[in-house]
């Protein structure tokens, strides 16, 4: 098949790119070319800024595709641009939305594709919902061949999955664990969560490519394994071979005391216990099975990060914030203690 990805080198898309290249598909990536060194040799890069619509239209002149995958569309205006560019150029348009768009708080901890999209806590999720609504309107009105895919917490070998981290990513938390510092975990760490390795996500995503039954449909793709946040952080410490020193702070308090967008990422997402029912995607891709466990995936990721200094980006601002939060909480405990 002839496939074009808008993006193609991110956490989710890189594994899909590698898998399709391995299978010998004719694959093009449309991006700025900043991360092409890690790409397979048989992938062709179209260098360009997708936001420069006239330039991209010129570069795509005469080309058509069996599938176009959009990985970097976050607001409806970007999807309107995509519709103009690809409405006559592709047999399928797969849009990466987000499972965070599902109802929060959820009416049920079991999430299916029929769960309403309603997240009042996170603008990112509401924008994803709006993008979906636009694309489905184009499907109904113009036959635009859209397939919606909703990943949840998908990770790769470059960053460990976390509940709370700074703008610099996961390394500073890994470093705190290594240094024996207390590490903030939201709530009491017992809520259930699902993390999915990108290599597993890629299996189901590629299985949807070229499937006419997927047109006009939405699917989420996740692992079937559910783990607690305590387990996730313990797996990181175990992979490092050190003791975990958890420090528990309520999600609402973290959101209230932070300049980071923890209202969205915690209250609107990670603080909620959810279990995903993947029956719908498995009905179309029956051989899909997530095989990388949370423990194994985290161990792989920790080994890779430790072996690559370029992935070890210090975040002193977040480190100070953690210390300040912990200090404030300890002081509050003292102030609230009862004296006999």
Protein backbone atom coordinates (compact mmCIF):
# COMPACT_ATOMS: atom_id res chain seq x y z
CA UNK A 1 0.00 0.00 0.00
CA UNK A 2 0.98 3.61 -0.51
CA UNK A 3 0.77 5.44 2.82
CA UNK A 4 1.49 9.00 3.97
CA UNK A 5 1.94 10.02 7.59
CA UNK A 6 1.70 13.62 8.76
CA UNK A 7 4.41 13.46 11.41
CA UNK A 8 5.57 9.88 11.72
CA UNK A 9 8.47 10.16 14.18
CA UNK A 10 6.68 10.77 17.51
CA UNK A 11 6.07 8.45 20.44
CA UNK A 12 3.06 6.79 18.86
CA UNK A 13 3.92 7.06 15.18
CA UNK A 14 7.56 5.93 15.18
CA UNK A 15 6.67 2.34 16.02
CA UNK A 16 4.04 2.32 13.26
CA UNK A 17 6.56 3.75 10.80
CA UNK A 18 9.08 1.04 11.68
CA UNK A 19 6.52 -1.76 11.41
CA UNK A 20 5.22 -0.64 8.01
CA UNK A 21 8.76 -0.16 6.71
CA UNK A 22 9.62 -3.67 7.90
CA UNK A 23 6.64 -5.00 5.96
CA UNK A 24 7.84 -3.23 2.81
CA UNK A 25 4.95 -0.80 2.43
CA UNK A 26 5.48 2.34 0.33
CA UNK A 27 5.64 4.88 3.13
CA UNK A 28 6.03 8.66 3.01
CA UNK A 29 6.45 10.96 6.00
CA UNK A 30 5.44 14.59 5.73
CA UNK A 31 7.32 16.57 8.37
CA UNK A 32 10.08 19.08 8.95
CA UNK A 33 12.77 16.41 8.83
CA UNK A 34 14.16 17.07 12.30
CA UNK A 35 14.21 13.40 13.40
CA UNK A 36 14.98 11.49 10.23
CA UNK A 37 18.22 9.90 11.45
CA UNK A 38 16.35 7.09 13.22
CA UNK A 39 14.13 6.27 10.23
CA UNK A 40 14.38 3.06 8.19
CA UNK A 41 16.08 3.51 4.83
CA UNK A 42 13.02 2.64 2.77
CA UNK A 43 10.93 5.51 4.16
CA UNK A 44 10.69 8.63 2.00
CA UNK A 45 10.53 12.01 3.73
CA UNK A 46 8.67 14.95 2.21
CA UNK A 47 10.21 17.93 3.96
CA UNK A 48 7.77 20.70 4.69
CA UNK A 49 5.65 22.52 7.22
CA UNK A 50 2.10 21.20 7.06
CA UNK A 51 0.91 24.64 8.18
CA UNK A 52 2.16 26.08 4.86
CA UNK A 53 -0.80 24.74 2.95
CA UNK A 54 0.10 26.14 -0.47
CA UNK A 55 3.63 24.69 -0.31
CA UNK A 56 2.39 21.28 0.82
CA UNK A 57 -0.31 21.23 -1.89
CA UNK A 58 2.41 21.85 -4.47
CA UNK A 59 4.61 19.08 -3.07
CA UNK A 60 1.71 16.61 -3.07
CA UNK A 61 0.64 17.44 -6.62
CA UNK A 62 0.08 14.27 -8.62
CA UNK A 63 0.28 12.01 -5.55
CA UNK A 64 -2.52 9.90 -4.10
CA UNK A 65 -2.53 7.40 -1.26
CA UNK A 66 -4.28 4.32 0.07
CA UNK A 67 -4.09 5.86 3.54
CA UNK A 68 -3.11 9.16 5.16
CA UNK A 69 -2.37 9.12 8.90
CA UNK A 70 -2.64 12.37 10.87
CA UNK A 71 -0.66 12.34 14.13
CA UNK A 72 -0.23 16.05 14.89
CA UNK A 73 -3.71 17.53 14.52
CA UNK A 74 -4.91 19.09 17.75
CA UNK A 75 -7.53 21.71 16.81
CA UNK A 76 -10.32 21.69 14.18
CA UNK A 77 -8.62 24.31 12.01
CA UNK A 78 -5.78 21.86 11.36
CA UNK A 79 -8.24 19.17 10.29
CA UNK A 80 -10.04 21.63 8.02
CA UNK A 81 -6.68 22.17 6.31
CA UNK A 82 -6.20 18.41 6.04
CA UNK A 83 -9.62 17.99 4.48
CA UNK A 84 -8.75 20.53 1.81
CA UNK A 85 -5.41 18.86 1.12
CA UNK A 86 -6.50 15.22 1.10
CA UNK A 87 -10.22 15.03 0.25
CA UNK A 88 -9.40 13.77 -3.26
CA UNK A 89 -6.07 12.12 -2.50
CA UNK A 90 -6.71 9.21 -0.14
CA UNK A 91 -8.90 6.14 0.27
CA UNK A 92 -8.63 6.37 4.08
CA UNK A 93 -7.76 9.12 6.57
CA UNK A 94 -6.81 7.88 10.05
CA UNK A 95 -6.89 10.54 12.74
CA UNK A 96 -5.16 10.13 16.10
CA UNK A 97 -7.53 11.49 18.72
CA UNK A 98 -7.26 10.74 22.45
CA UNK A 99 -8.94 8.47 24.98
CA UNK A 100 -8.66 11.37 27.42
CA UNK A 101 -11.67 12.83 25.62
CA UNK A 102 -13.91 10.20 27.22
CA UNK A 103 -16.31 11.27 29.97
CA UNK A 104 -14.70 12.54 33.18
CA UNK A 105 -15.50 11.52 35.78
CA UNK A 106 -16.52 8.29 34.04
CA UNK A 107 -19.95 6.85 34.75
CA UNK A 108 -18.33 3.42 34.56
CA UNK A 109 -14.73 2.32 34.92
CA UNK A 110 -15.20 0.14 31.83
CA UNK A 111 -14.56 2.29 28.75
CA UNK A 112 -15.98 1.39 25.34
CA UNK A 113 -16.19 3.45 22.16
CA UNK A 114 -19.78 4.24 23.17
CA UNK A 115 -18.62 6.06 26.31
CA UNK A 116 -19.55 9.75 25.83
CA UNK A 117 -16.84 12.24 24.89
CA UNK A 118 -17.17 14.84 27.65
CA UNK A 119 -14.15 16.13 29.55
CA UNK A 120 -14.75 19.49 31.26
CA UNK A 121 -11.30 19.50 32.85
CA UNK A 122 -8.92 19.46 29.89
CA UNK A 123 -8.97 21.78 26.88
CA UNK A 124 -6.69 19.38 24.98
CA UNK A 125 -9.35 16.66 25.23
CA UNK A 126 -12.20 18.99 24.27
CA UNK A 127 -10.23 20.05 21.18
CA UNK A 128 -9.73 16.40 20.23
CA UNK A 129 -13.49 15.86 20.53
CA UNK A 130 -14.11 18.89 18.30
CA UNK A 131 -11.68 17.50 15.72
CA UNK A 132 -13.53 14.19 15.73
CA UNK A 133 -16.87 15.93 15.29
CA UNK A 134 -15.58 17.91 12.32
CA UNK A 135 -14.13 14.85 10.60
CA UNK A 136 -17.29 12.80 11.12
CA UNK A 137 -19.33 15.66 9.67
CA UNK A 138 -17.08 15.59 6.58
CA UNK A 139 -17.62 11.82 6.38
CA UNK A 140 -21.41 12.19 6.50
CA UNK A 141 -21.60 15.20 4.19
CA UNK A 142 -18.84 14.44 1.67
CA UNK A 143 -17.88 10.81 2.15
CA UNK A 144 -14.47 11.73 3.51
CA UNK A 145 -13.05 8.29 4.47
CA UNK A 146 -12.15 8.94 8.09
CA UNK A 147 -11.18 6.46 10.79
CA UNK A 148 -10.76 7.73 14.36
CA UNK A 149 -8.16 6.13 16.65
CA UNK A 150 -8.02 6.99 20.36
CA UNK A 151 -4.80 6.08 22.16
CA UNK A 152 -4.58 6.31 25.93
CA UNK A 153 -1.23 6.48 27.77
CA UNK A 154 1.15 5.23 25.06
CA UNK A 155 4.91 5.34 25.66
CA UNK A 156 8.18 4.31 24.02
CA UNK A 157 11.80 3.67 24.94
CA UNK A 158 12.56 7.38 25.33
CA UNK A 159 10.39 8.23 28.36
CA UNK A 160 8.88 6.28 31.26
CA UNK A 161 5.14 6.67 31.88
CA UNK A 162 4.37 8.87 34.89
CA UNK A 163 1.45 10.55 36.57
CA UNK A 164 3.26 13.72 37.60
CA UNK A 165 6.23 15.27 35.81
CA UNK A 166 7.52 18.63 34.67
CA UNK A 167 7.88 20.22 31.26
CA UNK A 168 11.22 18.47 30.81
CA UNK A 169 9.70 15.00 30.71
CA UNK A 170 10.29 11.92 32.82
CA UNK A 171 14.02 12.05 33.49
CA UNK A 172 13.89 14.28 36.58
CA UNK A 173 11.57 11.82 38.31
CA UNK A 174 13.86 8.93 37.38
CA UNK A 175 16.75 10.94 38.77
CA UNK A 176 14.91 11.64 42.03
CA UNK A 177 14.28 7.92 42.47
CA UNK A 178 17.96 7.19 41.79
CA UNK A 179 19.03 9.82 44.32
CA UNK A 180 16.75 8.45 47.03
CA UNK A 181 14.52 11.52 47.09
CA UNK A 182 10.78 11.28 47.80
CA UNK A 183 8.74 11.04 44.61
CA UNK A 184 5.26 12.56 44.33
CA UNK A 185 2.50 10.10 43.42
CA UNK A 186 -1.02 11.46 42.99
CA UNK A 187 -3.73 10.21 45.33
CA UNK A 188 -2.75 7.09 47.26
CA UNK A 189 -1.36 5.37 44.18
CA UNK A 190 -4.04 2.68 44.11
CA UNK A 191 -6.16 3.88 41.18
CA UNK A 192 -6.01 1.65 38.10
CA UNK A 193 -4.34 2.80 34.91
CA UNK A 194 -3.45 1.39 31.51
CA UNK A 195 -0.13 2.03 29.80
CA UNK A 196 0.52 0.76 26.28
CA UNK A 197 3.89 0.26 24.65
CA UNK A 198 4.02 1.88 21.22
CA UNK A 199 5.09 -1.39 19.57
CA UNK A 200 1.80 -2.96 20.70
CA UNK A 201 -0.22 0.06 19.59
CA UNK A 202 1.37 -0.22 16.15
CA UNK A 203 0.04 -3.77 15.66
CA UNK A 204 -3.59 -2.69 15.93
CA UNK A 205 -3.15 0.59 14.06
CA UNK A 206 -1.56 -1.07 11.03
CA UNK A 207 -4.33 -3.67 11.09
CA UNK A 208 -6.89 -0.92 10.51
CA UNK A 209 -5.11 0.44 7.44
CA UNK A 210 -6.98 -0.46 4.27
CA UNK A 211 -10.01 -1.86 6.11
CA UNK A 212 -13.19 -0.49 4.56
CA UNK A 213 -15.09 -1.58 7.68
CA UNK A 214 -13.07 0.96 9.68
CA UNK A 215 -14.31 3.93 7.64
CA UNK A 216 -16.67 6.15 9.62
CA UNK A 217 -15.76 4.36 12.86
CA UNK A 218 -13.83 5.18 16.06
CA UNK A 219 -11.57 2.76 17.93
CA UNK A 220 -9.44 3.00 21.00
CA UNK A 221 -6.24 0.96 21.15
CA UNK A 222 -4.71 0.05 24.50
CA UNK A 223 -3.20 -2.82 26.42
CA UNK A 224 -5.63 -5.10 28.28
CA UNK A 225 -3.45 -4.96 31.40
CA UNK A 226 -4.47 -2.66 34.27
CA UNK A 227 -1.94 -1.66 36.92
CA UNK A 228 -1.90 0.77 39.82
CA UNK A 229 0.25 3.86 39.90
CA UNK A 230 2.09 2.34 42.84
CA UNK A 231 3.04 -0.57 40.61
CA UNK A 232 4.18 1.73 37.79
CA UNK A 233 6.50 3.70 40.05
CA UNK A 234 7.72 0.53 41.76
CA UNK A 235 8.60 -0.98 38.38
CA UNK A 236 10.75 2.10 37.67
CA UNK A 237 12.56 1.79 41.02
CA UNK A 238 13.03 -1.95 40.52
CA UNK A 239 14.53 -1.37 37.09
CA UNK A 240 16.94 1.12 38.68
CA UNK A 241 17.71 -1.30 41.51
CA UNK A 242 16.89 1.22 44.23
CA UNK A 243 14.26 1.80 46.90
CA UNK A 244 11.15 3.77 45.99
CA UNK A 245 10.24 6.54 48.42
CA UNK A 246 6.68 7.53 47.46
CA UNK A 247 5.12 10.75 48.71
CA UNK A 248 1.35 10.83 48.29
CA UNK A 249 -0.49 14.05 47.53
CA UNK A 250 -4.13 14.32 46.48
CA UNK A 251 -4.69 15.02 42.81
CA UNK A 252 -6.82 18.07 43.57
CA UNK A 253 -4.15 19.54 45.82
CA UNK A 254 -1.50 19.02 43.15
CA UNK A 255 -3.74 20.70 40.59
CA UNK A 256 -4.44 23.62 42.92
CA UNK A 257 -0.78 24.13 43.85
CA UNK A 258 0.77 23.86 40.41
CA UNK A 259 1.44 26.00 37.38
CA UNK A 260 1.63 22.75 35.40
CA UNK A 261 -1.62 21.63 33.75
CA UNK A 262 -2.39 18.99 36.36
CA UNK A 263 -6.09 19.78 36.40
CA UNK A 264 -6.27 18.44 32.86
CA UNK A 265 -3.74 15.63 33.03
CA UNK A 266 -4.80 14.36 36.49
CA UNK A 267 -8.41 15.35 37.26
CA UNK A 268 -9.28 15.07 33.58
CA UNK A 269 -7.34 11.89 32.96
CA UNK A 270 -4.83 9.96 35.07
CA UNK A 271 -6.50 10.23 38.48
CA UNK A 272 -9.48 8.22 37.20
CA UNK A 273 -9.52 4.43 37.34
CA UNK A 274 -10.37 3.13 33.87
CA UNK A 275 -10.30 -0.22 32.11
CA UNK A 276 -10.53 -0.23 28.32
CA UNK A 277 -12.64 -2.77 26.44
CA UNK A 278 -10.75 -3.40 23.19
CA UNK A 279 -13.38 -5.70 21.68
CA UNK A 280 -14.17 -3.35 18.79
CA UNK A 281 -10.64 -3.10 17.38
CA UNK A 282 -10.04 -6.82 17.97
CA UNK A 283 -13.12 -7.62 15.89
CA UNK A 284 -11.40 -6.03 12.86
CA UNK A 285 -7.83 -6.97 13.84
CA UNK A 286 -8.32 -10.39 15.47
CA UNK A 287 -4.62 -11.13 15.81
CA UNK A 288 -4.03 -7.98 17.86
CA UNK A 289 -2.74 -8.69 21.33
CA UNK A 290 -0.65 -6.38 23.49
CA UNK A 291 2.32 -8.49 24.59
CA UNK A 292 4.61 -5.96 26.31
CA UNK A 293 3.67 -5.92 30.00
CA UNK A 294 3.97 -2.71 32.01
CA UNK A 295 6.88 -4.20 33.96
CA UNK A 296 8.76 -5.33 30.86
CA UNK A 297 8.13 -2.10 28.96
CA UNK A 298 9.30 0.07 31.85
CA UNK A 299 12.43 -2.06 32.33
CA UNK A 300 13.28 -1.66 28.63
CA UNK A 301 12.69 2.07 28.79
CA UNK A 302 14.82 2.59 31.91
CA UNK A 303 17.70 0.63 30.35
CA UNK A 304 17.48 2.69 27.18
CA UNK A 305 17.36 6.03 29.01
CA UNK A 306 20.38 5.13 31.16
CA UNK A 307 22.29 4.11 28.04
CA UNK A 308 21.55 7.38 26.21
CA UNK A 309 22.70 10.56 27.98
CA UNK A 310 20.85 12.70 25.41
CA UNK A 311 17.59 11.46 26.95
CA UNK A 312 18.64 12.57 30.44
CA UNK A 313 17.38 16.15 30.40
CA UNK A 314 17.53 17.77 33.83
CA UNK A 315 14.53 19.80 34.95
CA UNK A 316 15.68 21.76 38.03
CA UNK A 317 12.47 23.82 38.09
CA UNK A 318 10.34 20.69 38.50
CA UNK A 319 12.78 19.29 41.05
CA UNK A 320 12.39 22.46 43.18
CA UNK A 321 8.62 22.31 42.78
CA UNK A 322 8.56 18.74 44.12
CA UNK A 323 10.61 19.76 47.15
CA UNK A 324 8.36 22.76 47.79
CA UNK A 325 5.16 20.71 47.56
CA UNK A 326 6.53 18.09 49.92
CA UNK A 327 7.70 20.76 52.37
CA UNK A 328 4.30 22.50 52.32
CA UNK A 329 2.49 19.20 52.86
CA UNK A 330 4.73 18.29 55.79
CA UNK A 331 4.11 21.67 57.38
CA UNK A 332 0.36 21.26 56.88
CA UNK A 333 0.51 17.88 58.60
CA UNK A 334 2.18 19.46 61.60
CA UNK A 335 -0.35 22.28 61.74
CA UNK A 336 -3.25 19.82 61.56
CA UNK A 337 -1.93 17.39 64.17
CA UNK A 338 -3.89 17.04 67.40
CA UNK A 339 -2.16 17.76 70.68
CA UNK A 340 -3.10 15.68 73.69
